[in-house]
Amino acid sequence: RYRVVRPFGRRQHPELPHVVTENAGID
């Protein structure tokens, strides 16, 4: 069992405005 909690690439946080995250892989 697993779940991807952070996808790949740059994205706007779905809940927190003005928070942009960038991920070189997947978590």
PDB file of all heavy atoms in Angstrom:
ATOM      1  N   ARG A   1       0.832  -1.200   0.000  1.00  0.00           N
ATOM      2  CA  ARG A   1       0.000   0.000   0.000  1.00  0.00           C
ATOM      3  C   ARG A   1       0.867   1.250   0.000  1.00  0.00           C
ATOM      4  O   ARG A   1       1.905   1.306   0.656  1.00  0.00           O
ATOM      5  CB  ARG A   1      -0.937   0.010   1.209  1.00  0.00           C
ATOM      6  CG  ARG A   1      -1.964  -1.120   1.202  1.00  0.00           C
ATOM      7  CD  ARG A   1      -2.753  -1.162   2.506  1.00  0.00           C
ATOM      8  NE  ARG A   1      -3.497   0.063   2.704  1.00  0.00           N
ATOM      9  CZ  ARG A   1      -4.705   0.314   2.193  1.00  0.00           C
ATOM     10  NH1 ARG A   1      -5.278  -0.581   1.428  1.00  0.00           N
ATOM     11  NH2 ARG A   1      -5.327   1.436   2.435  1.00  0.00           N
ATOM     12  N   TYR A   2       0.428   2.263  -0.724  1.00  0.00           N
ATOM     13  CA  TYR A   2       1.178   3.517  -0.803  1.00  0.00           C
ATOM     14  C   TYR A   2       0.248   4.626  -1.267  1.00  0.00           C
ATOM     15  O   TYR A   2      -0.872   4.372  -1.727  1.00  0.00           O
ATOM     16  CB  TYR A   2       2.353   3.403  -1.785  1.00  0.00           C
ATOM     17  CG  TYR A   2       1.906   3.323  -3.222  1.00  0.00           C
ATOM     18  CD1 TYR A   2       1.766   4.475  -3.999  1.00  0.00           C
ATOM     19  CD2 TYR A   2       1.598   2.100  -3.820  1.00  0.00           C
ATOM     20  CE1 TYR A   2       1.340   4.412  -5.312  1.00  0.00           C
ATOM     21  CE2 TYR A   2       1.176   2.031  -5.127  1.00  0.00           C
ATOM     22  CZ  TYR A   2       1.052   3.178  -5.878  1.00  0.00           C
ATOM     23  OH  TYR A   2       0.622   3.114  -7.177  1.00  0.00           O
ATOM     24  N   ARG A   3       0.730   5.855  -1.165  1.00  0.00           N
ATOM     25  CA  ARG A   3       0.040   6.991  -1.764  1.00  0.00           C
ATOM     26  C   ARG A   3       1.078   8.062  -2.096  1.00  0.00           C
ATOM     27  O   ARG A   3       2.002   8.296  -1.316  1.00  0.00           O
ATOM     28  CB  ARG A   3      -1.039   7.553  -0.843  1.00  0.00           C
ATOM     29  CG  ARG A   3      -0.589   7.947   0.544  1.00  0.00           C
ATOM     30  CD  ARG A   3      -1.769   8.372   1.384  1.00  0.00           C
ATOM     31  NE  ARG A   3      -1.408   8.610   2.778  1.00  0.00           N
ATOM     32  CZ  ARG A   3      -2.276   8.852   3.740  1.00  0.00           C
ATOM     33  NH1 ARG A   3      -3.558   8.915   3.453  1.00  0.00           N
ATOM     34  NH2 ARG A   3      -1.898   9.047   4.984  1.00  0.00           N
ATOM     35  N   VAL A   4       0.900   8.673  -3.240  1.00  0.00           N
ATOM     36  CA  VAL A   4       1.809   9.740  -3.668  1.00  0.00           C
ATOM     37  C   VAL A   4       1.320  11.031  -3.035  1.00  0.00           C
ATOM     38  O   VAL A   4       0.244  11.538  -3.372  1.00  0.00           O
ATOM     39  CB  VAL A   4       1.841   9.861  -5.203  1.00  0.00           C
ATOM     40  CG1 VAL A   4       2.727  11.028  -5.625  1.00  0.00           C
ATOM     41  CG2 VAL A   4       2.336   8.566  -5.830  1.00  0.00           C
ATOM     42  N   VAL A   5       2.114  11.568  -2.111  1.00  0.00           N
ATOM     43  CA  VAL A   5       1.685  12.756  -1.365  1.00  0.00           C
ATOM     44  C   VAL A   5       2.214  14.047  -1.990  1.00  0.00           C
ATOM     45  O   VAL A   5       1.694  15.121  -1.717  1.00  0.00           O
ATOM     46  CB  VAL A   5       2.113  12.664   0.115  1.00  0.00           C
ATOM     47  CG1 VAL A   5       1.369  11.537   0.817  1.00  0.00           C
ATOM     48  CG2 VAL A   5       3.620  12.465   0.253  1.00  0.00           C
ATOM     49  N   ARG A   6       3.266  13.944  -2.803  1.00  0.00           N
ATOM     50  CA  ARG A   6       3.767  15.132  -3.513  1.00  0.00           C
ATOM     51  C   ARG A   6       4.120  14.720  -4.932  1.00  0.00           C
ATOM     52  O   ARG A   6       5.025  13.901  -5.130  1.00  0.00           O
ATOM     53  CB  ARG A   6       5.006  15.720  -2.821  1.00  0.00           C
ATOM     54  CG  ARG A   6       4.709  16.480  -1.542  1.00  0.00           C
ATOM     55  CD  ARG A   6       5.945  17.201  -1.040  1.00  0.00           C
ATOM     56  NE  ARG A   6       6.358  18.249  -1.961  1.00  0.00           N
ATOM     57  CZ  ARG A   6       7.630  18.625  -2.133  1.00  0.00           C
ATOM     58  NH1 ARG A   6       8.593  18.037  -1.483  1.00  0.00           N
ATOM     59  NH2 ARG A   6       7.914  19.594  -2.981  1.00  0.00           N
ATOM     60  N   PRO A   7       3.430  15.244  -5.922  1.00  0.00           N
ATOM     61  CA  PRO A   7       3.709  14.862  -7.312  1.00  0.00           C
ATOM     62  C   PRO A   7       4.948  15.556  -7.853  1.00  0.00           C
ATOM     63  O   PRO A   7       5.574  16.385  -7.183  1.00  0.00           O
ATOM     64  CB  PRO A   7       2.448  15.322  -8.045  1.00  0.00           C
ATOM     65  CG  PRO A   7       1.939  16.468  -7.236  1.00  0.00           C
ATOM     66  CD  PRO A   7       2.286  16.159  -5.811  1.00  0.00           C
ATOM     67  N   PHE A   8       5.273  15.236  -9.080  1.00  0.00           N
ATOM     68  CA  PHE A   8       6.459  15.785  -9.738  1.00  0.00           C
ATOM     69  C   PHE A   8       6.192  17.197 -10.245  1.00  0.00           C
ATOM     70  O   PHE A   8       5.085  17.536 -10.652  1.00  0.00           O
ATOM     71  CB  PHE A   8       6.828  14.876 -10.923  1.00  0.00           C
ATOM     72  CG  PHE A   8       7.917  15.419 -11.798  1.00  0.00           C
ATOM     73  CD1 PHE A   8       9.246  15.283 -11.449  1.00  0.00           C
ATOM     74  CD2 PHE A   8       7.607  16.080 -12.985  1.00  0.00           C
ATOM     75  CE1 PHE A   8      10.254  15.771 -12.258  1.00  0.00           C
ATOM     76  CE2 PHE A   8       8.606  16.571 -13.805  1.00  0.00           C
ATOM     77  CZ  PHE A   8       9.937  16.417 -13.435  1.00  0.00           C
ATOM     78  N   GLY A   9       7.251  18.014 -10.226  1.00  0.00           N
ATOM     79  CA  GLY A   9       7.210  19.316 -10.878  1.00  0.00           C
ATOM     80  C   GLY A   9       6.794  20.463  -9.971  1.00  0.00           C
ATOM     81  O   GLY A   9       6.622  20.323  -8.761  1.00  0.00           O
ATOM     82  N   ARG A  10       6.618  21.608 -10.613  1.00  0.00           N
ATOM     83  CA  ARG A  10       6.264  22.840  -9.918  1.00  0.00           C
ATOM     84  C   ARG A  10       4.748  22.988  -9.899  1.00  0.00           C
ATOM     85  O   ARG A  10       4.096  22.824 -10.936  1.00  0.00           O
ATOM     86  CB  ARG A  10       6.908  24.030 -10.647  1.00  0.00           C
ATOM     87  CG  ARG A  10       6.739  25.369  -9.957  1.00  0.00           C
ATOM     88  CD  ARG A  10       7.453  26.456 -10.768  1.00  0.00           C
ATOM     89  NE  ARG A  10       7.307  27.765 -10.163  1.00  0.00           N
ATOM     90  CZ  ARG A  10       8.089  28.240  -9.211  1.00  0.00           C
ATOM     91  NH1 ARG A  10       9.083  27.505  -8.746  1.00  0.00           N
ATOM     92  NH2 ARG A  10       7.903  29.442  -8.700  1.00  0.00           N
ATOM     93  N   ARG A  11       4.198  23.314  -8.750  1.00  0.00           N
ATOM     94  CA  ARG A  11       2.743  23.456  -8.668  1.00  0.00           C
ATOM     95  C   ARG A  11       2.362  24.403  -7.531  1.00  0.00           C
ATOM     96  O   ARG A  11       3.089  24.565  -6.548  1.00  0.00           O
ATOM     97  CB  ARG A  11       2.073  22.096  -8.450  1.00  0.00           C
ATOM     98  CG  ARG A  11       2.351  21.482  -7.080  1.00  0.00           C
ATOM     99  CD  ARG A  11       1.528  20.242  -6.845  1.00  0.00           C
ATOM    100  NE  ARG A  11       1.643  19.795  -5.466  1.00  0.00           N
ATOM    101  CZ  ARG A  11       0.633  19.408  -4.713  1.00  0.00           C
ATOM    102  NH1 ARG A  11      -0.576  19.404  -5.202  1.00  0.00           N
ATOM    103  NH2 ARG A  11       0.803  19.010  -3.470  1.00  0.00           N
ATOM    104  N   GLN A  12       1.214  25.016  -7.720  1.00  0.00           N
ATOM    105  CA  GLN A  12       0.618  25.865  -6.692  1.00  0.00           C
ATOM    106  C   GLN A  12      -0.021  24.965  -5.641  1.00  0.00           C
ATOM    107  O   GLN A  12      -0.724  24.024  -5.977  1.00  0.00           O
ATOM    108  CB  GLN A  12      -0.447  26.763  -7.321  1.00  0.00           C
ATOM    109  CG  GLN A  12      -1.307  27.542  -6.331  1.00  0.00           C
ATOM    110  CD  GLN A  12      -0.535  28.659  -5.653  1.00  0.00           C
ATOM    111  OE1 GLN A  12       0.160  29.387  -6.313  1.00  0.00           O
ATOM    112  NE2 GLN A  12      -0.668  28.767  -4.348  1.00  0.00           N
ATOM    113  N   HIS A  13       0.255  25.247  -4.365  1.00  0.00           N
ATOM    114  CA  HIS A  13      -0.331  24.419  -3.309  1.00  0.00           C
ATOM    115  C   HIS A  13      -1.852  24.537  -3.378  1.00  0.00           C
ATOM    116  O   HIS A  13      -2.396  25.638  -3.479  1.00  0.00           O
ATOM    117  CB  HIS A  13       0.162  24.864  -1.936  1.00  0.00           C
ATOM    118  CG  HIS A  13      -0.062  23.848  -0.872  1.00  0.00           C
ATOM    119  ND1 HIS A  13      -1.297  23.622  -0.300  1.00  0.00           N
ATOM    120  CD2 HIS A  13       0.783  22.974  -0.282  1.00  0.00           C
ATOM    121  CE1 HIS A  13      -1.198  22.674   0.598  1.00  0.00           C
ATOM    122  NE2 HIS A  13       0.056  22.252   0.628  1.00  0.00           N
ATOM    123  N   PRO A  14      -2.568  23.397  -3.354  1.00  0.00           N
ATOM    124  CA  PRO A  14      -4.029  23.447  -3.532  1.00  0.00           C
ATOM    125  C   PRO A  14      -4.781  24.142  -2.410  1.00  0.00           C
ATOM    126  O   PRO A  14      -5.913  24.577  -2.601  1.00  0.00           O
ATOM    127  CB  PRO A  14      -4.419  21.960  -3.607  1.00  0.00           C
ATOM    128  CG  PRO A  14      -3.305  21.233  -2.911  1.00  0.00           C
ATOM    129  CD  PRO A  14      -2.071  22.025  -3.192  1.00  0.00           C
ATOM    130  N   GLU A  15      -4.166  24.261  -1.242  1.00  0.00           N
ATOM    131  CA  GLU A  15      -4.875  24.825  -0.093  1.00  0.00           C
ATOM    132  C   GLU A  15      -4.279  26.148   0.401  1.00  0.00           C
ATOM    133  O   GLU A  15      -5.008  26.973   0.957  1.00  0.00           O
ATOM    134  CB  GLU A  15      -4.879  23.819   1.079  1.00  0.00           C
ATOM    135  CG  GLU A  15      -5.433  22.446   0.727  1.00  0.00           C
ATOM    136  CD  GLU A  15      -6.895  22.480   0.359  1.00  0.00           C
ATOM    137  OE1 GLU A  15      -7.574  23.454   0.719  1.00  0.00           O
ATOM    138  OE2 GLU A  15      -7.358  21.535  -0.310  1.00  0.00           O
ATOM    139  N   LEU A  16      -2.984  26.337   0.211  1.00  0.00           N
ATOM    140  CA  LEU A  16      -2.306  27.513   0.765  1.00  0.00           C
ATOM    141  C   LEU A  16      -1.980  28.500  -0.362  1.00  0.00           C
ATOM    142  O   LEU A  16      -1.153  28.197  -1.235  1.00  0.00           O
ATOM    143  CB  LEU A  16      -1.016  27.094   1.470  1.00  0.00           C
ATOM    144  CG  LEU A  16      -1.202  26.165   2.677  1.00  0.00           C
ATOM    145  CD1 LEU A  16       0.141  25.653   3.155  1.00  0.00           C
ATOM    146  CD2 LEU A  16      -1.935  26.875   3.802  1.00  0.00           C
ATOM    147  N   PRO A  17      -2.611  29.663  -0.380  1.00  0.00           N
ATOM    148  CA  PRO A  17      -2.301  30.655  -1.411  1.00  0.00           C
ATOM    149  C   PRO A  17      -0.876  31.176  -1.248  1.00  0.00           C
ATOM    150  O   PRO A  17      -0.327  31.211  -0.145  1.00  0.00           O
ATOM    151  CB  PRO A  17      -3.338  31.753  -1.164  1.00  0.00           C
ATOM    152  CG  PRO A  17      -3.728  31.599   0.268  1.00  0.00           C
ATOM    153  CD  PRO A  17      -3.616  30.140   0.576  1.00  0.00           C
ATOM    154  N   HIS A  18      -0.287  31.553  -2.369  1.00  0.00           N
ATOM    155  CA  HIS A  18       1.067  32.110  -2.404  1.00  0.00           C
ATOM    156  C   HIS A  18       2.127  31.087  -2.004  1.00  0.00           C
ATOM    157  O   HIS A  18       3.273  31.465  -1.764  1.00  0.00           O
ATOM    158  CB  HIS A  18       1.193  33.340  -1.491  1.00  0.00           C
ATOM    159  CG  HIS A  18       0.090  34.341  -1.660  1.00  0.00           C
ATOM    160  ND1 HIS A  18      -0.188  34.941  -2.873  1.00  0.00           N
ATOM    161  CD2 HIS A  18      -0.840  34.825  -0.796  1.00  0.00           C
ATOM    162  CE1 HIS A  18      -1.211  35.768  -2.741  1.00  0.00           C
ATOM    163  NE2 HIS A  18      -1.634  35.702  -1.480  1.00  0.00           N
ATOM    164  N   VAL A  19       1.773  29.814  -1.922  1.00  0.00           N
ATOM    165  CA  VAL A  19       2.763  28.774  -1.624  1.00  0.00           C
ATOM    166  C   VAL A  19       2.938  27.927  -2.880  1.00  0.00           C
ATOM    167  O   VAL A  19       2.003  27.252  -3.320  1.00  0.00           O
ATOM    168  CB  VAL A  19       2.335  27.889  -0.439  1.00  0.00           C
ATOM    169  CG1 VAL A  19       3.312  26.730  -0.264  1.00  0.00           C
ATOM    170  CG2 VAL A  19       2.275  28.707   0.841  1.00  0.00           C
ATOM    171  N   VAL A  20       4.115  27.994  -3.480  1.00  0.00           N
ATOM    172  CA  VAL A  20       4.435  27.227  -4.679  1.00  0.00           C
ATOM    173  C   VAL A  20       5.532  26.227  -4.317  1.00  0.00           C
ATOM    174  O   VAL A  20       6.556  26.603  -3.732  1.00  0.00           O
ATOM    175  CB  VAL A  20       4.902  28.146  -5.827  1.00  0.00           C
ATOM    176  CG1 VAL A  20       5.270  27.323  -7.052  1.00  0.00           C
ATOM    177  CG2 VAL A  20       3.806  29.146  -6.179  1.00  0.00           C
ATOM    178  N   THR A  21       5.319  24.972  -4.629  1.00  0.00           N
ATOM    179  CA  THR A  21       6.313  23.938  -4.324  1.00  0.00           C
ATOM    180  C   THR A  21       6.858  23.357  -5.624  1.00  0.00           C
ATOM    181  O   THR A  21       6.192  23.384  -6.661  1.00  0.00           O
ATOM    182  CB  THR A  21       5.689  22.816  -3.480  1.00  0.00           C
ATOM    183  OG1 THR A  21       4.594  22.216  -4.205  1.00  0.00           O
ATOM    184  CG2 THR A  21       5.181  23.344  -2.156  1.00  0.00           C
ATOM    185  N   GLU A  22       8.072  22.858  -5.546  1.00  0.00           N
ATOM    186  CA  GLU A  22       8.709  22.225  -6.706  1.00  0.00           C
ATOM    187  C   GLU A  22       9.345  20.927  -6.254  1.00  0.00           C
ATOM    188  O   GLU A  22      10.028  20.890  -5.225  1.00  0.00           O
ATOM    189  CB  GLU A  22       9.746  23.154  -7.328  1.00  0.00           C
ATOM    190  CG  GLU A  22      10.280  22.637  -8.645  1.00  0.00           C
ATOM    191  CD  GLU A  22      10.981  23.710  -9.456  1.00  0.00           C
ATOM    192  OE1 GLU A  22      11.090  24.850  -8.970  1.00  0.00           O
ATOM    193  OE2 GLU A  22      11.417  23.406 -10.580  1.00  0.00           O
ATOM    194  N   ASN A  23       9.113  19.871  -7.010  1.00  0.00           N
ATOM    195  CA  ASN A  23       9.594  18.550  -6.632  1.00  0.00           C
ATOM    196  C   ASN A  23      10.306  17.925  -7.826  1.00  0.00           C
ATOM    197  O   ASN A  23       9.743  17.852  -8.921  1.00  0.00           O
ATOM    198  CB  ASN A  23       8.421  17.671  -6.177  1.00  0.00           C
ATOM    199  CG  ASN A  23       8.884  16.450  -5.402  1.00  0.00           C
ATOM    200  OD1 ASN A  23      10.079  16.238  -5.220  1.00  0.00           O
ATOM    201  ND2 ASN A  23       7.952  15.640  -4.939  1.00  0.00           N
ATOM    202  N   ALA A  24      11.541  17.470  -7.608  1.00  0.00           N
ATOM    203  CA  ALA A  24      12.312  16.848  -8.680  1.00  0.00           C
ATOM    204  C   ALA A  24      11.916  15.399  -8.903  1.00  0.00           C
ATOM    205  O   ALA A  24      12.393  14.766  -9.856  1.00  0.00           O
ATOM    206  CB  ALA A  24      13.799  16.930  -8.366  1.00  0.00           C
ATOM    207  N   GLY A  25      11.051  14.871  -8.033  1.00  0.00           N
ATOM    208  CA  GLY A  25      10.584  13.492  -8.178  1.00  0.00           C
ATOM    209  C   GLY A  25       9.173  13.379  -7.639  1.00  0.00           C
ATOM    210  O   GLY A  25       8.360  14.296  -7.795  1.00  0.00           O
ATOM    211  N   ILE A  26       8.867  12.256  -7.004  1.00  0.00           N
ATOM    212  CA  ILE A  26       7.585  12.082  -6.324  1.00  0.00           C
ATOM    213  C   ILE A  26       7.854  11.600  -4.906  1.00  0.00           C
ATOM    214  O   ILE A  26       8.830  10.885  -4.660  1.00  0.00           O
ATOM    215  CB  ILE A  26       6.655  11.081  -7.060  1.00  0.00           C
ATOM    216  CG1 ILE A  26       7.339   9.717  -7.237  1.00  0.00           C
ATOM    217  CG2 ILE A  26       6.219  11.644  -8.399  1.00  0.00           C
ATOM    218  CD1 ILE A  26       6.439   8.660  -7.853  1.00  0.00           C
ATOM    219  N   ASP A  27       7.013  12.013  -3.970  1.00  0.00           N
ATOM    220  CA  ASP A  27       7.118  11.576  -2.579  1.00  0.00           C
ATOM    221  C   ASP A  27       6.019  10.560  -2.308  1.00  0.00           C
ATOM    222  O   ASP A  27       4.836  10.851  -2.512  1.00  0.00           O
ATOM    223  CB  ASP A  27       6.993  12.761  -1.633  1.00  0.00           C
ATOM    224  CG  ASP A  27       8.222  13.671  -1.702  1.00  0.00           C
ATOM    225  OD1 ASP A  27       9.145  13.350  -2.464  1.00  0.00           O
ATOM    226  OD2 ASP A  27       8.232  14.704  -1.027  1.00  0.00           O
TER     227      ASP A  27
END
